[in-house]
Amino acid sequence: MIIDARGHRCPTPSLRLHKAAREAAPGTRLTLLATDPMARIDVPHLMTGLGGCVLSIVEVDGVLTIEVETPAVPTA
């Protein structure tokens, strides 16, 4: 699933990713597209808090592509 948060400032990219992660099945891979450089910092903190992980962060032409995986066990 791709979450497109390009053009939005903090905290919108993380909030959209958080919502998608809560609704996703355990172990789902999600891709966040963001132009706010704070997403590079915010998303790893979010995923740690959720029990998931960041698989990769790539920036091309000012667009961050952040691939994450939701926790293997559902969170409350």
N, C-alpha and C. Protein backbone atom coordinates (compact mmCIF):
# COMPACT_ATOMS: atom_id res chain seq x y z
N MET A 1 0.85 -1.18 0.00
CA MET A 1 0.00 0.00 0.00
C MET A 1 0.90 1.24 0.00
N ILE A 2 0.53 2.23 -0.77
CA ILE A 2 1.28 3.49 -0.85
C ILE A 2 0.47 4.58 -0.16
N ILE A 3 1.14 5.29 0.74
CA ILE A 3 0.53 6.45 1.42
C ILE A 3 1.22 7.67 0.85
N ASP A 4 0.49 8.48 0.11
CA ASP A 4 1.07 9.66 -0.54
C ASP A 4 0.82 10.90 0.31
N ALA A 5 1.87 11.37 0.97
CA ALA A 5 1.78 12.56 1.82
C ALA A 5 2.68 13.67 1.28
N ARG A 6 2.97 13.61 -0.02
CA ARG A 6 3.80 14.66 -0.62
C ARG A 6 3.08 15.99 -0.52
N GLY A 7 3.85 17.03 -0.17
CA GLY A 7 3.30 18.37 -0.07
C GLY A 7 2.72 18.69 1.30
N HIS A 8 2.67 17.71 2.19
CA HIS A 8 2.15 17.94 3.54
C HIS A 8 3.30 18.06 4.53
N ARG A 9 3.11 18.92 5.53
CA ARG A 9 4.12 19.13 6.56
C ARG A 9 3.82 18.26 7.78
N CYS A 10 4.82 18.12 8.61
CA CYS A 10 4.70 17.41 9.88
C CYS A 10 3.52 17.99 10.67
N PRO A 11 2.71 17.19 11.26
CA PRO A 11 2.79 15.74 11.47
C PRO A 11 1.96 14.91 10.49
N THR A 12 1.43 15.52 9.44
CA THR A 12 0.52 14.81 8.54
C THR A 12 1.09 13.52 7.96
N PRO A 13 2.34 13.50 7.44
CA PRO A 13 2.84 12.22 6.90
C PRO A 13 2.83 11.09 7.93
N SER A 14 3.28 11.38 9.15
CA SER A 14 3.29 10.34 10.19
C SER A 14 1.88 9.93 10.60
N LEU A 15 0.96 10.89 10.67
CA LEU A 15 -0.41 10.56 11.04
C LEU A 15 -1.06 9.66 9.99
N ARG A 16 -0.81 9.95 8.73
CA ARG A 16 -1.39 9.10 7.66
C ARG A 16 -0.80 7.70 7.70
N LEU A 17 0.52 7.63 7.94
CA LEU A 17 1.17 6.32 8.03
C LEU A 17 0.65 5.56 9.25
N HIS A 18 0.49 6.24 10.36
CA HIS A 18 -0.01 5.61 11.58
C HIS A 18 -1.40 5.02 11.34
N LYS A 19 -2.27 5.77 10.71
CA LYS A 19 -3.63 5.29 10.42
C LYS A 19 -3.58 4.05 9.52
N ALA A 20 -2.77 4.10 8.48
CA ALA A 20 -2.65 2.97 7.56
C ALA A 20 -2.08 1.74 8.28
N ALA A 21 -1.10 1.96 9.14
CA ALA A 21 -0.48 0.84 9.87
C ALA A 21 -1.48 0.19 10.83
N ARG A 22 -2.32 1.00 11.48
CA ARG A 22 -3.34 0.46 12.40
C ARG A 22 -4.36 -0.39 11.65
N GLU A 23 -4.66 -0.01 10.44
CA GLU A 23 -5.68 -0.71 9.65
C GLU A 23 -5.13 -1.90 8.86
N ALA A 24 -3.81 -1.99 8.75
CA ALA A 24 -3.18 -3.03 7.95
C ALA A 24 -3.06 -4.34 8.73
N ALA A 25 -2.97 -5.42 8.00
CA ALA A 25 -2.75 -6.73 8.62
C ALA A 25 -1.34 -6.79 9.19
N PRO A 26 -1.13 -7.63 10.19
CA PRO A 26 0.21 -7.79 10.75
C PRO A 26 1.22 -8.18 9.67
N GLY A 27 2.40 -7.57 9.74
CA GLY A 27 3.47 -7.89 8.79
C GLY A 27 3.32 -7.25 7.42
N THR A 28 2.40 -6.30 7.27
CA THR A 28 2.17 -5.63 5.99
C THR A 28 3.27 -4.61 5.71
N ARG A 29 3.68 -4.55 4.48
CA ARG A 29 4.64 -3.52 4.06
C ARG A 29 3.88 -2.32 3.51
N LEU A 30 4.26 -1.15 3.98
CA LEU A 30 3.65 0.10 3.55
C LEU A 30 4.75 1.01 3.01
N THR A 31 4.40 1.84 2.04
CA THR A 31 5.35 2.79 1.48
C THR A 31 4.79 4.19 1.65
N LEU A 32 5.54 5.04 2.32
CA LEU A 32 5.17 6.44 2.51
C LEU A 32 5.96 7.30 1.56
N LEU A 33 5.26 8.16 0.82
CA LEU A 33 5.90 9.17 -0.02
C LEU A 33 5.73 10.51 0.69
N ALA A 34 6.83 11.20 0.95
CA ALA A 34 6.76 12.45 1.69
C ALA A 34 7.81 13.43 1.19
N THR A 35 7.47 14.71 1.23
CA THR A 35 8.43 15.75 0.87
C THR A 35 8.93 16.51 2.09
N ASP A 36 8.33 16.29 3.24
CA ASP A 36 8.78 16.94 4.47
C ASP A 36 10.00 16.19 5.01
N PRO A 37 11.15 16.85 5.11
CA PRO A 37 12.36 16.16 5.57
C PRO A 37 12.24 15.61 6.99
N MET A 38 11.32 16.12 7.79
CA MET A 38 11.14 15.62 9.16
C MET A 38 10.62 14.18 9.17
N ALA A 39 10.04 13.73 8.06
CA ALA A 39 9.56 12.35 8.00
C ALA A 39 10.72 11.37 8.19
N ARG A 40 11.91 11.77 7.79
CA ARG A 40 13.10 10.93 7.94
C ARG A 40 13.36 10.63 9.43
N ILE A 41 12.97 11.56 10.29
CA ILE A 41 13.16 11.41 11.74
C ILE A 41 11.90 10.85 12.38
N ASP A 42 10.75 11.39 11.99
CA ASP A 42 9.48 11.03 12.64
C ASP A 42 9.06 9.58 12.40
N VAL A 43 9.23 9.10 11.19
CA VAL A 43 8.74 7.76 10.86
C VAL A 43 9.48 6.66 11.64
N PRO A 44 10.81 6.70 11.75
CA PRO A 44 11.46 5.67 12.58
C PRO A 44 10.97 5.68 14.03
N HIS A 45 10.73 6.88 14.60
CA HIS A 45 10.20 6.95 15.96
C HIS A 45 8.80 6.34 16.03
N LEU A 46 7.97 6.67 15.05
CA LEU A 46 6.62 6.12 15.00
C LEU A 46 6.66 4.60 14.93
N MET A 47 7.46 4.07 14.02
CA MET A 47 7.48 2.62 13.84
C MET A 47 8.05 1.90 15.05
N THR A 48 9.00 2.50 15.73
CA THR A 48 9.51 1.91 16.97
C THR A 48 8.39 1.84 18.00
N GLY A 49 7.63 2.92 18.11
CA GLY A 49 6.52 2.96 19.06
C GLY A 49 5.44 1.94 18.74
N LEU A 50 5.24 1.67 17.46
CA LEU A 50 4.21 0.71 17.04
C LEU A 50 4.70 -0.73 17.09
N GLY A 51 6.02 -0.91 17.21
CA GLY A 51 6.58 -2.25 17.20
C GLY A 51 6.91 -2.76 15.81
N GLY A 52 6.83 -1.87 14.82
CA GLY A 52 7.17 -2.23 13.45
C GLY A 52 8.61 -1.85 13.15
N CYS A 53 8.96 -1.81 11.87
CA CYS A 53 10.32 -1.44 11.52
C CYS A 53 10.35 -0.67 10.19
N VAL A 54 11.40 0.11 10.04
CA VAL A 54 11.67 0.82 8.80
C VAL A 54 12.59 -0.07 7.98
N LEU A 55 12.19 -0.37 6.76
CA LEU A 55 12.98 -1.22 5.88
C LEU A 55 13.95 -0.42 5.03
N SER A 56 13.51 0.77 4.60
CA SER A 56 14.40 1.61 3.79
C SER A 56 13.89 3.04 3.74
N ILE A 57 14.83 3.95 3.56
CA ILE A 57 14.52 5.36 3.34
C ILE A 57 15.39 5.81 2.17
N VAL A 58 14.73 6.24 1.10
CA VAL A 58 15.43 6.69 -0.10
C VAL A 58 14.89 8.06 -0.47
N GLU A 59 15.78 8.98 -0.80
CA GLU A 59 15.35 10.31 -1.24
C GLU A 59 15.82 10.55 -2.67
N VAL A 60 14.87 10.90 -3.52
CA VAL A 60 15.16 11.21 -4.92
C VAL A 60 14.41 12.48 -5.28
N ASP A 61 15.13 13.49 -5.71
CA ASP A 61 14.54 14.76 -6.12
C ASP A 61 13.62 15.36 -5.06
N GLY A 62 14.04 15.26 -3.80
CA GLY A 62 13.27 15.86 -2.71
C GLY A 62 12.09 15.05 -2.22
N VAL A 63 11.90 13.87 -2.77
CA VAL A 63 10.80 13.00 -2.33
C VAL A 63 11.38 11.81 -1.56
N LEU A 64 10.95 11.69 -0.32
CA LEU A 64 11.35 10.54 0.49
C LEU A 64 10.41 9.38 0.20
N THR A 65 10.98 8.22 -0.03
CA THR A 65 10.22 6.98 -0.15
C THR A 65 10.65 6.13 1.03
N ILE A 66 9.73 5.95 1.97
CA ILE A 66 10.04 5.23 3.20
C ILE A 66 9.20 3.96 3.23
N GLU A 67 9.89 2.85 3.21
CA GLU A 67 9.21 1.55 3.26
C GLU A 67 9.26 1.02 4.69
N VAL A 68 8.11 0.64 5.23
CA VAL A 68 8.02 0.14 6.60
C VAL A 68 7.27 -1.18 6.61
N GLU A 69 7.39 -1.87 7.72
CA GLU A 69 6.62 -3.10 7.92
C GLU A 69 5.91 -3.01 9.25
N THR A 70 4.61 -3.32 9.25
CA THR A 70 3.84 -3.27 10.48
C THR A 70 4.27 -4.42 11.38
N PRO A 71 3.99 -4.33 12.67
CA PRO A 71 4.38 -5.40 13.58
C PRO A 71 3.77 -6.74 13.18
N ALA A 72 4.49 -7.82 13.47
CA ALA A 72 4.00 -9.16 13.15
C ALA A 72 2.81 -9.53 14.02
N VAL A 73 2.74 -8.93 15.20
CA VAL A 73 1.64 -9.18 16.12
C VAL A 73 0.83 -7.91 16.24
N PRO A 74 -0.49 -7.97 16.12
CA PRO A 74 -1.31 -6.76 16.21
C PRO A 74 -1.08 -6.03 17.53
N THR A 75 -1.09 -4.69 17.46
CA THR A 75 -0.97 -3.86 18.65
C THR A 75 -2.35 -3.39 19.09
N ALA A 76 -2.48 -3.11 20.35
CA ALA A 76 -3.77 -2.66 20.88
C ALA A 76 -4.05 -1.23 20.53
